[in-house]
């Protein structure tokens, strides 16, 4: 359930990034679904290896290099999915920022099992 939820979040975040970032385009819903699925796989398999390999530069930049890695992963997905276009490095970075923020918000609001976490206020 957790991976499926992350794919859905990726699809919606990619659609959002395409609407907000001028250098990112989608040719339809099917490329968005394919990009969301592939981004989920890249984040699960490729990204951890990249994080380990670039740990020294990530530490030196106080974690900001992770945004560059996320942009490169998004750019990789765009190069593999027909109908999903990222026009350059900065568009990939901005798109990765949008996808990361959307994913972060959903992670706060939804547990790994897929249950919505309601924040209640106690007096």
PDB file of N, CA and C in Angstrom:
ATOM      1  N   UNK A   1       0.825  -1.197   0.000  1.00  0.00           N
ATOM      2  CA  UNK A   1       0.000   0.000   0.000  1.00  0.00           C
ATOM      3  C   UNK A   1       0.866   1.257   0.000  1.00  0.00           C
ATOM      4  N   UNK A   2       1.968   1.244   0.727  1.00  0.00           N
ATOM      5  CA  UNK A   2       2.827   2.407   0.837  1.00  0.00           C
ATOM      6  C   UNK A   2       3.427   2.813  -0.503  1.00  0.00           C
ATOM      7  N   UNK A   3       3.930   1.820  -1.278  1.00  0.00           N
ATOM      8  CA  UNK A   3       4.525   2.130  -2.586  1.00  0.00           C
ATOM      9  C   UNK A   3       3.474   2.670  -3.540  1.00  0.00           C
ATOM     10  N   UNK A   4       2.286   2.066  -3.540  1.00  0.00           N
ATOM     11  CA  UNK A   4       1.201   2.537  -4.405  1.00  0.00           C
ATOM     12  C   UNK A   4       0.826   3.970  -4.069  1.00  0.00           C
ATOM     13  N   UNK A   5       0.748   4.278  -2.781  1.00  0.00           N
ATOM     14  CA  UNK A   5       0.423   5.634  -2.356  1.00  0.00           C
ATOM     15  C   UNK A   5       1.504   6.614  -2.798  1.00  0.00           C
ATOM     16  N   UNK A   6       2.759   6.215  -2.700  1.00  0.00           N
ATOM     17  CA  UNK A   6       3.858   7.086  -3.124  1.00  0.00           C
ATOM     18  C   UNK A   6       3.823   7.322  -4.643  1.00  0.00           C
ATOM     19  N   UNK A   7       3.430   6.305  -5.396  1.00  0.00           N
ATOM     20  CA  UNK A   7       3.306   6.476  -6.853  1.00  0.00           C
ATOM     21  C   UNK A   7       2.197   7.476  -7.169  1.00  0.00           C
ATOM     22  N   UNK A   8       1.068   7.361  -6.492  1.00  0.00           N
ATOM     23  CA  UNK A   8      -0.038   8.301  -6.709  1.00  0.00           C
ATOM     24  C   UNK A   8       0.401   9.721  -6.349  1.00  0.00           C
ATOM     25  N   UNK A   9       1.112   9.856  -5.242  1.00  0.00           N
ATOM     26  CA  UNK A   9       1.624  11.173  -4.840  1.00  0.00           C
ATOM     27  C   UNK A   9       2.598  11.699  -5.890  1.00  0.00           C
ATOM     28  N   UNK A  10       3.479  10.820  -6.392  1.00  0.00           N
ATOM     29  CA  UNK A  10       4.421  11.236  -7.439  1.00  0.00           C
ATOM     30  C   UNK A  10       3.695  11.709  -8.690  1.00  0.00           C
ATOM     31  N   UNK A  11       2.663  10.990  -9.093  1.00  0.00           N
ATOM     32  CA  UNK A  11       1.902  11.373 -10.289  1.00  0.00           C
ATOM     33  C   UNK A  11       1.286  12.755 -10.093  1.00  0.00           C
ATOM     34  N   UNK A  12       0.636  12.951  -8.957  1.00  0.00           N
ATOM     35  CA  UNK A  12       0.007  14.251  -8.696  1.00  0.00           C
ATOM     36  C   UNK A  12       1.045  15.362  -8.568  1.00  0.00           C
ATOM     37  N   UNK A  13       2.177  15.052  -7.950  1.00  0.00           N
ATOM     38  CA  UNK A  13       3.235  16.054  -7.793  1.00  0.00           C
ATOM     39  C   UNK A  13       3.865  16.402  -9.140  1.00  0.00           C
ATOM     40  N   UNK A  14       4.015  15.436 -10.019  1.00  0.00           N
ATOM     41  CA  UNK A  14       4.554  15.700 -11.351  1.00  0.00           C
ATOM     42  C   UNK A  14       3.587  16.558 -12.164  1.00  0.00           C
ATOM     43  N   UNK A  15       2.296  16.286 -12.042  1.00  0.00           N
ATOM     44  CA  UNK A  15       1.297  17.125 -12.711  1.00  0.00           C
ATOM     45  C   UNK A  15       1.354  18.546 -12.164  1.00  0.00           C
ATOM     46  N   UNK A  16       1.501  18.678 -10.842  1.00  0.00           N
ATOM     47  CA  UNK A  16       1.619  19.994 -10.225  1.00  0.00           C
ATOM     48  C   UNK A  16       2.884  20.710 -10.696  1.00  0.00           C
ATOM     49  N   UNK A  17       3.996  19.982 -10.736  1.00  0.00           N
ATOM     50  CA  UNK A  17       5.254  20.584 -11.194  1.00  0.00           C
ATOM     51  C   UNK A  17       5.152  21.031 -12.644  1.00  0.00           C
ATOM     52  N   UNK A  18       4.471  20.244 -13.469  1.00  0.00           N
ATOM     53  CA  UNK A  18       4.309  20.619 -14.883  1.00  0.00           C
ATOM     54  C   UNK A  18       3.458  21.877 -15.024  1.00  0.00           C
ATOM     55  N   UNK A  19       2.535  22.082 -14.097  1.00  0.00           N
ATOM     56  CA  UNK A  19       1.704  23.283 -14.180  1.00  0.00           C
ATOM     57  C   UNK A  19       2.397  24.510 -13.587  1.00  0.00           C
ATOM     58  N   UNK A  20       3.369  24.312 -12.685  1.00  0.00           N
ATOM     59  CA  UNK A  20       4.027  25.440 -12.030  1.00  0.00           C
ATOM     60  C   UNK A  20       5.366  25.831 -12.654  1.00  0.00           C
ATOM     61  N   UNK A  21       6.122  24.855 -13.143  1.00  0.00           N
ATOM     62  CA  UNK A  21       7.469  25.113 -13.658  1.00  0.00           C
ATOM     63  C   UNK A  21       7.400  25.183 -15.175  1.00  0.00           C
ATOM     64  N   UNK A  22       7.884  26.288 -15.726  1.00  0.00           N
ATOM     65  CA  UNK A  22       7.740  26.500 -17.161  1.00  0.00           C
ATOM     66  C   UNK A  22       8.560  25.519 -18.006  1.00  0.00           C
ATOM     67  N   UNK A  23       9.619  24.934 -17.482  1.00  0.00           N
ATOM     68  CA  UNK A  23      10.446  24.016 -18.246  1.00  0.00           C
ATOM     69  C   UNK A  23      10.033  22.563 -18.157  1.00  0.00           C
ATOM     70  N   UNK A  24       8.888  22.285 -17.542  1.00  0.00           N
ATOM     71  CA  UNK A  24       8.411  20.906 -17.423  1.00  0.00           C
ATOM     72  C   UNK A  24       7.069  20.799 -18.130  1.00  0.00           C
ATOM     73  N   UNK A  25       6.970  19.777 -19.013  1.00  0.00           N
ATOM     74  CA  UNK A  25       5.745  19.571 -19.786  1.00  0.00           C
ATOM     75  C   UNK A  25       5.336  18.110 -19.760  1.00  0.00           C
ATOM     76  N   UNK A  26       4.028  17.905 -19.803  1.00  0.00           N
ATOM     77  CA  UNK A  26       3.453  16.567 -19.928  1.00  0.00           C
ATOM     78  C   UNK A  26       2.574  16.544 -21.157  1.00  0.00           C
ATOM     79  N   UNK A  27       2.624  15.437 -21.900  1.00  0.00           N
ATOM     80  CA  UNK A  27       1.791  15.292 -23.097  1.00  0.00           C
ATOM     81  C   UNK A  27       0.489  14.557 -22.810  1.00  0.00           C
ATOM     82  N   UNK A  28       0.149  14.379 -21.553  1.00  0.00           N
ATOM     83  CA  UNK A  28      -1.088  13.701 -21.199  1.00  0.00           C
ATOM     84  C   UNK A  28      -0.987  13.041 -19.838  1.00  0.00           C
ATOM     85  N   UNK A  29      -2.043  12.319 -19.493  1.00  0.00           N
ATOM     86  CA  UNK A  29      -2.104  11.660 -18.189  1.00  0.00           C
ATOM     87  C   UNK A  29      -1.244  10.402 -18.174  1.00  0.00           C
ATOM     88  N   UNK A  30      -1.215   9.675 -19.265  1.00  0.00           N
ATOM     89  CA  UNK A  30      -0.432   8.435 -19.307  1.00  0.00           C
ATOM     90  C   UNK A  30       1.063   8.673 -19.069  1.00  0.00           C
ATOM     91  N   UNK A  31       1.675   9.695 -19.681  1.00  0.00           N
ATOM     92  CA  UNK A  31       3.079   9.968 -19.342  1.00  0.00           C
ATOM     93  C   UNK A  31       3.267  10.358 -17.873  1.00  0.00           C
ATOM     94  N   UNK A  32       2.277  11.027 -17.280  1.00  0.00           N
ATOM     95  CA  UNK A  32       2.364  11.385 -15.861  1.00  0.00           C
ATOM     96  C   UNK A  32       2.350  10.130 -14.991  1.00  0.00           C
ATOM     97  N   UNK A  33       1.507   9.167 -15.352  1.00  0.00           N
ATOM     98  CA  UNK A  33       1.447   7.910 -14.597  1.00  0.00           C
ATOM     99  C   UNK A  33       2.748   7.139 -14.754  1.00  0.00           C
ATOM    100  N   UNK A  34       3.251   7.064 -15.982  1.00  0.00           N
ATOM    101  CA  UNK A  34       4.518   6.361 -16.218  1.00  0.00           C
ATOM    102  C   UNK A  34       5.661   7.048 -15.484  1.00  0.00           C
ATOM    103  N   UNK A  35       5.690   8.383 -15.510  1.00  0.00           N
ATOM    104  CA  UNK A  35       6.748   9.120 -14.818  1.00  0.00           C
ATOM    105  C   UNK A  35       6.641   8.939 -13.304  1.00  0.00           C
ATOM    106  N   UNK A  36       5.436   8.940 -12.766  1.00  0.00           N
ATOM    107  CA  UNK A  36       5.247   8.729 -11.326  1.00  0.00           C
ATOM    108  C   UNK A  36       5.701   7.351 -10.890  1.00  0.00           C
ATOM    109  N   UNK A  37       5.384   6.341 -11.697  1.00  0.00           N
ATOM    110  CA  UNK A  37       5.805   4.974 -11.388  1.00  0.00           C
ATOM    111  C   UNK A  37       7.316   4.838 -11.482  1.00  0.00           C
ATOM    112  N   UNK A  38       7.896   5.356 -12.552  1.00  0.00           N
ATOM    113  CA  UNK A  38       9.341   5.264 -12.719  1.00  0.00           C
ATOM    114  C   UNK A  38      10.082   6.083 -11.669  1.00  0.00           C
ATOM    115  N   UNK A  39       9.550   7.246 -11.304  1.00  0.00           N
ATOM    116  CA  UNK A  39      10.183   8.047 -10.260  1.00  0.00           C
ATOM    117  C   UNK A  39      10.156   7.311  -8.926  1.00  0.00           C
ATOM    118  N   UNK A  40       9.078   6.606  -8.653  1.00  0.00           N
ATOM    119  CA  UNK A  40       9.016   5.785  -7.443  1.00  0.00           C
ATOM    120  C   UNK A  40      10.079   4.700  -7.440  1.00  0.00           C
ATOM    121  N   UNK A  41      10.275   4.058  -8.595  1.00  0.00           N
ATOM    122  CA  UNK A  41      11.309   3.019  -8.693  1.00  0.00           C
ATOM    123  C   UNK A  41      12.717   3.612  -8.590  1.00  0.00           C
ATOM    124  N   UNK A  42      12.936   4.741  -9.232  1.00  0.00           N
ATOM    125  CA  UNK A  42      14.248   5.398  -9.165  1.00  0.00           C
ATOM    126  C   UNK A  42      14.538   5.826  -7.730  1.00  0.00           C
ATOM    127  N   UNK A  43      13.542   6.377  -7.048  1.00  0.00           N
ATOM    128  CA  UNK A  43      13.736   6.788  -5.660  1.00  0.00           C
ATOM    129  C   UNK A  43      13.975   5.605  -4.732  1.00  0.00           C
ATOM    130  N   UNK A  44      13.436   4.447  -5.078  1.00  0.00           N
ATOM    131  CA  UNK A  44      13.616   3.264  -4.235  1.00  0.00           C
ATOM    132  C   UNK A  44      14.918   2.531  -4.519  1.00  0.00           C
ATOM    133  N   UNK A  45      15.426   2.599  -5.747  1.00  0.00           N
ATOM    134  CA  UNK A  45      16.592   1.792  -6.121  1.00  0.00           C
ATOM    135  C   UNK A  45      17.840   2.642  -6.371  1.00  0.00           C
ATOM    136  N   UNK A  46      17.730   3.631  -7.240  1.00  0.00           N
ATOM    137  CA  UNK A  46      18.903   4.396  -7.672  1.00  0.00           C
ATOM    138  C   UNK A  46      19.292   5.461  -6.645  1.00  0.00           C
ATOM    139  N   UNK A  47      18.323   6.176  -6.121  1.00  0.00           N
ATOM    140  CA  UNK A  47      18.606   7.301  -5.225  1.00  0.00           C
ATOM    141  C   UNK A  47      19.390   6.901  -3.980  1.00  0.00           C
ATOM    142  N   UNK A  48      19.082   5.783  -3.303  1.00  0.00           N
ATOM    143  CA  UNK A  48      19.894   5.415  -2.135  1.00  0.00           C
ATOM    144  C   UNK A  48      21.370   5.195  -2.468  1.00  0.00           C
ATOM    145  N   UNK A  49      21.636   4.623  -3.630  1.00  0.00           N
ATOM    146  CA  UNK A  49      23.032   4.426  -4.046  1.00  0.00           C
ATOM    147  C   UNK A  49      23.700   5.773  -4.273  1.00  0.00           C
ATOM    148  N   UNK A  50      22.996   6.690  -4.943  1.00  0.00           N
ATOM    149  CA  UNK A  50      23.544   8.020  -5.175  1.00  0.00           C
ATOM    150  C   UNK A  50      23.777   8.770  -3.867  1.00  0.00           C
ATOM    151  N   UNK A  51      22.868   8.591  -2.905  1.00  0.00           N
ATOM    152  CA  UNK A  51      23.034   9.258  -1.611  1.00  0.00           C
ATOM    153  C   UNK A  51      24.304   8.792  -0.905  1.00  0.00           C
ATOM    154  N   UNK A  52      24.576   7.510  -0.966  1.00  0.00           N
ATOM    155  CA  UNK A  52      25.785   6.979  -0.327  1.00  0.00           C
ATOM    156  C   UNK A  52      27.036   7.458  -1.056  1.00  0.00           C
ATOM    157  N   UNK A  53      26.998   7.426  -2.388  1.00  0.00           N
ATOM    158  CA  UNK A  53      28.169   7.834  -3.158  1.00  0.00           C
ATOM    159  C   UNK A  53      28.494   9.322  -3.004  1.00  0.00           C
ATOM    160  N   UNK A  54      27.478  10.134  -2.776  1.00  0.00           N
ATOM    161  CA  UNK A  54      27.696  11.580  -2.687  1.00  0.00           C
ATOM    162  C   UNK A  54      27.606  12.089  -1.250  1.00  0.00           C
ATOM    163  N   UNK A  55      27.745  11.207  -0.285  1.00  0.00           N
ATOM    164  CA  UNK A  55      27.628  11.614   1.116  1.00  0.00           C
ATOM    165  C   UNK A  55      28.600  12.727   1.507  1.00  0.00           C
ATOM    166  N   UNK A  56      29.873  12.682   1.099  1.00  0.00           N
ATOM    167  CA  UNK A  56      30.769  13.782   1.497  1.00  0.00           C
ATOM    168  C   UNK A  56      30.313  15.157   0.997  1.00  0.00           C
ATOM    169  N   UNK A  57      29.901  15.252  -0.265  1.00  0.00           N
ATOM    170  CA  UNK A  57      29.456  16.549  -0.780  1.00  0.00           C
ATOM    171  C   UNK A  57      28.128  16.965  -0.153  1.00  0.00           C
ATOM    172  N   UNK A  58      27.293  15.998   0.190  1.00  0.00           N
ATOM    173  CA  UNK A  58      26.040  16.304   0.874  1.00  0.00           C
ATOM    174  C   UNK A  58      26.319  16.881   2.255  1.00  0.00           C
ATOM    175  N   UNK A  59      27.298  16.323   2.953  1.00  0.00           N
ATOM    176  CA  UNK A  59      27.659  16.852   4.266  1.00  0.00           C
ATOM    177  C   UNK A  59      28.254  18.250   4.165  1.00  0.00           C
ATOM    178  N   UNK A  60      29.106  18.473   3.179  1.00  0.00           N
ATOM    179  CA  UNK A  60      29.738  19.779   3.006  1.00  0.00           C
ATOM    180  C   UNK A  60      28.688  20.851   2.677  1.00  0.00           C
ATOM    181  N   UNK A  61      27.677  20.492   1.906  1.00  0.00           N
ATOM    182  CA  UNK A  61      26.644  21.461   1.522  1.00  0.00           C
ATOM    183  C   UNK A  61      25.472  21.474   2.501  1.00  0.00           C
ATOM    184  N   UNK A  62      25.657  20.810   3.646  1.00  0.00           N
ATOM    185  CA  UNK A  62      24.624  20.757   4.690  1.00  0.00           C
ATOM    186  C   UNK A  62      23.293  20.199   4.174  1.00  0.00           C
ATOM    187  N   UNK A  63      23.378  19.229   3.283  1.00  0.00           N
ATOM    188  CA  UNK A  63      22.197  18.540   2.780  1.00  0.00           C
ATOM    189  C   UNK A  63      21.572  19.134   1.532  1.00  0.00           C
ATOM    190  N   UNK A  64      22.041  20.292   1.092  1.00  0.00           N
ATOM    191  CA  UNK A  64      21.437  20.913  -0.087  1.00  0.00           C
ATOM    192  C   UNK A  64      21.709  20.137  -1.372  1.00  0.00           C
ATOM    193  N   UNK A  65      22.764  19.341  -1.379  1.00  0.00           N
ATOM    194  CA  UNK A  65      23.064  18.563  -2.579  1.00  0.00           C
ATOM    195  C   UNK A  65      21.992  17.507  -2.839  1.00  0.00           C
ATOM    196  N   UNK A  66      21.230  17.149  -1.826  1.00  0.00           N
ATOM    197  CA  UNK A  66      20.138  16.191  -2.024  1.00  0.00           C
ATOM    198  C   UNK A  66      19.120  16.750  -3.016  1.00  0.00           C
ATOM    199  N   UNK A  67      18.918  18.061  -3.005  1.00  0.00           N
ATOM    200  CA  UNK A  67      18.015  18.675  -3.977  1.00  0.00           C
ATOM    201  C   UNK A  67      18.549  18.500  -5.393  1.00  0.00           C
ATOM    202  N   UNK A  68      19.860  18.596  -5.551  1.00  0.00           N
ATOM    203  CA  UNK A  68      20.480  18.366  -6.860  1.00  0.00           C
ATOM    204  C   UNK A  68      20.268  16.909  -7.283  1.00  0.00           C
ATOM    205  N   UNK A  69      20.450  15.974  -6.345  1.00  0.00           N
ATOM    206  CA  UNK A  69      20.215  14.554  -6.656  1.00  0.00           C
ATOM    207  C   UNK A  69      18.762  14.309  -7.055  1.00  0.00           C
ATOM    208  N   UNK A  70      17.837  14.935  -6.341  1.00  0.00           N
ATOM    209  CA  UNK A  70      16.419  14.784  -6.695  1.00  0.00           C
ATOM    210  C   UNK A  70      16.147  15.333  -8.096  1.00  0.00           C
ATOM    211  N   UNK A  71      16.783  16.463  -8.419  1.00  0.00           N
ATOM    212  CA  UNK A  71      16.629  17.028  -9.762  1.00  0.00           C
ATOM    213  C   UNK A  71      17.195  16.114 -10.828  1.00  0.00           C
ATOM    214  N   UNK A  72      18.357  15.514 -10.539  1.00  0.00           N
ATOM    215  CA  UNK A  72      18.951  14.579 -11.499  1.00  0.00           C
ATOM    216  C   UNK A  72      18.079  13.337 -11.679  1.00  0.00           C
ATOM    217  N   UNK A  73      17.466  12.868 -10.595  1.00  0.00           N
ATOM    218  CA  UNK A  73      16.559  11.713 -10.703  1.00  0.00           C
ATOM    219  C   UNK A  73      15.337  12.064 -11.543  1.00  0.00           C
ATOM    220  N   UNK A  74      14.797  13.272 -11.342  1.00  0.00           N
ATOM    221  CA  UNK A  74      13.652  13.705 -12.140  1.00  0.00           C
ATOM    222  C   UNK A  74      14.040  13.847 -13.608  1.00  0.00           C
ATOM    223  N   UNK A  75      15.225  14.372 -13.859  1.00  0.00           N
ATOM    224  CA  UNK A  75      15.737  14.530 -15.219  1.00  0.00           C
ATOM    225  C   UNK A  75      15.951  13.165 -15.878  1.00  0.00           C
ATOM    226  N   UNK A  76      16.451  12.197 -15.104  1.00  0.00           N
ATOM    227  CA  UNK A  76      16.615  10.830 -15.599  1.00  0.00           C
ATOM    228  C   UNK A  76      15.269  10.241 -16.011  1.00  0.00           C
ATOM    229  N   UNK A  77      14.269  10.419 -15.165  1.00  0.00           N
ATOM    230  CA  UNK A  77      12.931   9.905 -15.480  1.00  0.00           C
ATOM    231  C   UNK A  77      12.399  10.555 -16.751  1.00  0.00           C
ATOM    232  N   UNK A  78      12.624  11.859 -16.898  1.00  0.00           N
ATOM    233  CA  UNK A  78      12.146  12.554 -18.101  1.00  0.00           C
ATOM    234  C   UNK A  78      12.844  12.050 -19.355  1.00  0.00           C
ATOM    235  N   UNK A  79      14.094  11.630 -19.207  1.00  0.00           N
ATOM    236  CA  UNK A  79      14.795  11.117 -20.391  1.00  0.00           C
ATOM    237  C   UNK A  79      14.322   9.722 -20.767  1.00  0.00           C
ATOM    238  N   UNK A  80      13.684   9.013 -19.861  1.00  0.00           N
ATOM    239  CA  UNK A  80      13.229   7.650 -20.120  1.00  0.00           C
ATOM    240  C   UNK A  80      11.747   7.545 -20.466  1.00  0.00           C
ATOM    241  N   UNK A  81      10.956   8.529 -20.067  1.00  0.00           N
ATOM    242  CA  UNK A  81       9.505   8.479 -20.296  1.00  0.00           C
ATOM    243  C   UNK A  81       9.143   9.402 -21.451  1.00  0.00           C
ATOM    244  N   UNK A  82       8.587   8.812 -22.490  1.00  0.00           N
ATOM    245  CA  UNK A  82       8.137   9.590 -23.648  1.00  0.00           C
ATOM    246  C   UNK A  82       6.878  10.367 -23.256  1.00  0.00           C
ATOM    247  N   UNK A  83       6.873  11.662 -23.542  1.00  0.00           N
ATOM    248  CA  UNK A  83       5.731  12.497 -23.198  1.00  0.00           C
ATOM    249  C   UNK A  83       5.928  13.291 -21.923  1.00  0.00           C
ATOM    250  N   UNK A  84       7.051  13.090 -21.253  1.00  0.00           N
ATOM    251  CA  UNK A  84       7.400  13.857 -20.059  1.00  0.00           C
ATOM    252  C   UNK A  84       8.705  14.580 -20.359  1.00  0.00           C
ATOM    253  N   UNK A  85       8.667  15.908 -20.380  1.00  0.00           N
ATOM    254  CA  UNK A  85       9.810  16.697 -20.818  1.00  0.00           C
ATOM    255  C   UNK A  85      10.281  17.622 -19.709  1.00  0.00           C
ATOM    256  N   UNK A  86      11.577  17.608 -19.456  1.00  0.00           N
ATOM    257  CA  UNK A  86      12.206  18.547 -18.539  1.00  0.00           C
ATOM    258  C   UNK A  86      13.295  19.263 -19.325  1.00  0.00           C
ATOM    259  N   UNK A  87      13.141  20.565 -19.475  1.00  0.00           N
ATOM    260  CA  UNK A  87      14.032  21.361 -20.319  1.00  0.00           C
ATOM    261  C   UNK A  87      15.175  21.962 -19.509  1.00  0.00           C
ATOM    262  N   UNK A  88      16.128  21.147 -19.131  1.00  0.00           N
ATOM    263  CA  UNK A  88      17.324  21.669 -18.498  1.00  0.00           C
ATOM    264  C   UNK A  88      17.432  21.406 -17.013  1.00  0.00           C
ATOM    265  N   UNK A  89      18.613  21.723 -16.522  1.00  0.00           N
ATOM    266  CA  UNK A  89      18.986  21.440 -15.134  1.00  0.00           C
ATOM    267  C   UNK A  89      18.130  22.219 -14.144  1.00  0.00           C
ATOM    268  N   UNK A  90      17.942  23.519 -14.373  1.00  0.00           N
ATOM    269  CA  UNK A  90      17.211  24.328 -13.402  1.00  0.00           C
ATOM    270  C   UNK A  90      15.731  23.970 -13.361  1.00  0.00           C
ATOM    271  N   UNK A  91      15.168  23.608 -14.485  1.00  0.00           N
ATOM    272  CA  UNK A  91      13.777  23.138 -14.482  1.00  0.00           C
ATOM    273  C   UNK A  91      13.669  21.846 -13.681  1.00  0.00           C
ATOM    274  N   UNK A  92      14.674  20.982 -13.809  1.00  0.00           N
ATOM    275  CA  UNK A  92      14.684  19.729 -13.040  1.00  0.00           C
ATOM    276  C   UNK A  92      14.793  20.012 -11.547  1.00  0.00           C
ATOM    277  N   UNK A  93      15.630  20.975 -11.176  1.00  0.00           N
ATOM    278  CA  UNK A  93      15.778  21.323  -9.755  1.00  0.00           C
ATOM    279  C   UNK A  93      14.472  21.889  -9.201  1.00  0.00           C
ATOM    280  N   UNK A  94      13.859  22.831  -9.930  1.00  0.00           N
ATOM    281  CA  UNK A  94      12.589  23.406  -9.468  1.00  0.00           C
ATOM    282  C   UNK A  94      11.482  22.355  -9.422  1.00  0.00           C
ATOM    283  N   UNK A  95      11.435  21.491 -10.430  1.00  0.00           N
ATOM    284  CA  UNK A  95      10.455  20.407 -10.426  1.00  0.00           C
ATOM    285  C   UNK A  95      10.675  19.453  -9.271  1.00  0.00           C
ATOM    286  N   UNK A  96      11.933  19.144  -8.988  1.00  0.00           N
ATOM    287  CA  UNK A  96      12.240  18.267  -7.854  1.00  0.00           C
ATOM    288  C   UNK A  96      11.842  18.915  -6.540  1.00  0.00           C
ATOM    289  N   UNK A  97      11.990  20.232  -6.455  1.00  0.00           N
ATOM    290  CA  UNK A  97      11.573  20.941  -5.250  1.00  0.00           C
ATOM    291  C   UNK A  97      10.061  20.842  -5.057  1.00  0.00           C
ATOM    292  N   UNK A  98       9.307  21.020  -6.123  1.00  0.00           N
ATOM    293  CA  UNK A  98       7.848  20.894  -6.055  1.00  0.00           C
ATOM    294  C   UNK A  98       7.449  19.470  -5.661  1.00  0.00           C
ATOM    295  N   UNK A  99       8.066  18.482  -6.301  1.00  0.00           N
ATOM    296  CA  UNK A  99       7.755  17.074  -5.995  1.00  0.00           C
ATOM    297  C   UNK A  99       8.139  16.753  -4.558  1.00  0.00           C
ATOM    298  N   UNK A 100       9.262  17.240  -4.094  1.00  0.00           N
ATOM    299  CA  UNK A 100       9.711  16.969  -2.722  1.00  0.00           C
ATOM    300  C   UNK A 100       8.776  17.587  -1.692  1.00  0.00           C
ATOM    301  N   UNK A 101       8.353  18.819  -1.929  1.00  0.00           N
ATOM    302  CA  UNK A 101       7.439  19.476  -0.981  1.00  0.00           C
ATOM    303  C   UNK A 101       6.100  18.758  -0.944  1.00  0.00           C
ATOM    304  N   UNK A 102       5.578  18.385  -2.099  1.00  0.00           N
ATOM    305  CA  UNK A 102       4.304  17.659  -2.137  1.00  0.00           C
ATOM    306  C   UNK A 102       4.426  16.313  -1.431  1.00  0.00           C
ATOM    307  N   UNK A 103       5.509  15.612  -1.663  1.00  0.00           N
ATOM    308  CA  UNK A 103       5.726  14.320  -1.011  1.00  0.00           C
ATOM    309  C   UNK A 103       5.873  14.483   0.495  1.00  0.00           C
ATOM    310  N   UNK A 104       6.563  15.530   0.912  1.00  0.00           N
ATOM    311  CA  UNK A 104       6.760  15.792   2.332  1.00  0.00           C
ATOM    312  C   UNK A 104       5.426  16.063   3.028  1.00  0.00           C
ATOM    313  N   UNK A 105       4.571  16.860   2.392  1.00  0.00           N
ATOM    314  CA  UNK A 105       3.260  17.166   2.969  1.00  0.00           C
ATOM    315  C   UNK A 105       2.428  15.903   3.104  1.00  0.00           C
ATOM    316  N   UNK A 106       2.423  15.072   2.082  1.00  0.00           N
ATOM    317  CA  UNK A 106       1.645  13.828   2.149  1.00  0.00           C
ATOM    318  C   UNK A 106       2.220  12.887   3.201  1.00  0.00           C
ATOM    319  N   UNK A 107       3.547  12.848   3.333  1.00  0.00           N
ATOM    320  CA  UNK A 107       4.174  12.004   4.350  1.00  0.00           C
ATOM    321  C   UNK A 107       3.745  12.436   5.745  1.00  0.00           C
ATOM    322  N   UNK A 108       3.579  13.727   5.955  1.00  0.00           N
ATOM    323  CA  UNK A 108       3.129  14.223   7.252  1.00  0.00           C
ATOM    324  C   UNK A 108       1.677  13.824   7.512  1.00  0.00           C
ATOM    325  N   UNK A 109       0.845  13.861   6.476  1.00  0.00           N
ATOM    326  CA  UNK A 109      -0.590  13.662   6.646  1.00  0.00           C
ATOM    327  C   UNK A 109      -1.062  12.222   6.519  1.00  0.00           C
ATOM    328  N   UNK A 110      -0.247  11.349   5.905  1.00  0.00           N
ATOM    329  CA  UNK A 110      -0.678   9.973   5.651  1.00  0.00           C
ATOM    330  C   UNK A 110       0.385   9.009   6.176  1.00  0.00           C
ATOM    331  N   UNK A 111      -0.058   7.990   6.916  1.00  0.00           N
ATOM    332  CA  UNK A 111       0.883   6.994   7.427  1.00  0.00           C
ATOM    333  C   UNK A 111       1.287   6.036   6.310  1.00  0.00           C
ATOM    334  N   UNK A 112       2.305   5.196   6.576  1.00  0.00           N
ATOM    335  CA  UNK A 112       2.761   4.245   5.563  1.00  0.00           C
ATOM    336  C   UNK A 112       1.690   3.223   5.194  1.00  0.00           C
ATOM    337  N   UNK A 113       0.760   2.971   6.110  1.00  0.00           N
ATOM    338  CA  UNK A 113      -0.304   2.017   5.811  1.00  0.00           C
ATOM    339  C   UNK A 113      -1.414   2.642   4.968  1.00  0.00           C
ATOM    340  N   UNK A 114      -1.349   3.950   4.754  1.00  0.00           N
ATOM    341  CA  UNK A 114      -2.342   4.616   3.918  1.00  0.00           C
ATOM    342  C   UNK A 114      -3.429   5.313   4.709  1.00  0.00           C
ATOM    343  N   UNK A 115      -3.339   5.304   6.029  1.00  0.00           N
ATOM    344  CA  UNK A 115      -4.355   5.952   6.853  1.00  0.00           C
ATOM    345  C   UNK A 115      -4.028   7.433   7.008  1.00  0.00           C
ATOM    346  N   UNK A 116      -5.077   8.246   6.910  1.00  0.00           N
ATOM    347  CA  UNK A 116      -4.905   9.683   7.072  1.00  0.00           C
ATOM    348  C   UNK A 116      -4.719   9.981   8.556  1.00  0.00           C
ATOM    349  N   UNK A 117      -3.673  10.743   8.842  1.00  0.00           N
ATOM    350  CA  UNK A 117      -3.381  11.110  10.217  1.00  0.00           C
ATOM    351  C   UNK A 117      -4.077  12.430  10.500  1.00  0.00           C
ATOM    352  N   UNK A 118      -5.015  12.390  11.420  1.00  0.00           N
ATOM    353  CA  UNK A 118      -5.739  13.600  11.776  1.00  0.00           C
ATOM    354  C   UNK A 118      -5.035  14.258  12.952  1.00  0.00           C
ATOM    355  N   UNK A 119      -4.773  15.512  12.791  1.00  0.00           N
ATOM    356  CA  UNK A 119      -4.121  16.267  13.860  1.00  0.00           C
ATOM    357  C   UNK A 119      -5.223  16.921  14.692  1.00  0.00           C
ATOM    358  N   UNK A 120      -5.290  16.515  15.926  1.00  0.00           N
ATOM    359  CA  UNK A 120      -6.308  17.078  16.816  1.00  0.00           C
ATOM    360  C   UNK A 120      -5.626  17.956  17.846  1.00  0.00           C
ATOM    361  N   UNK A 121      -6.352  18.915  18.289  1.00  0.00           N
ATOM    362  CA  UNK A 121      -5.862  19.835  19.276  1.00  0.00           C
ATOM    363  C   UNK A 121      -6.502  19.533  20.602  1.00  0.00           C
ATOM    364  N   UNK A 122      -5.702  19.366  21.612  1.00  0.00           N
ATOM    365  CA  UNK A 122      -6.240  19.113  22.959  1.00  0.00           C
ATOM    366  C   UNK A 122      -6.126  20.367  23.795  1.00  0.00           C
ATOM    367  N   UNK A 123      -7.164  20.598  24.560  1.00  0.00           N
ATOM    368  CA  UNK A 123      -7.148  21.775  25.432  1.00  0.00           C
ATOM    369  C   UNK A 123      -6.954  21.359  26.851  1.00  0.00           C
TER     370      UNK A 123
END
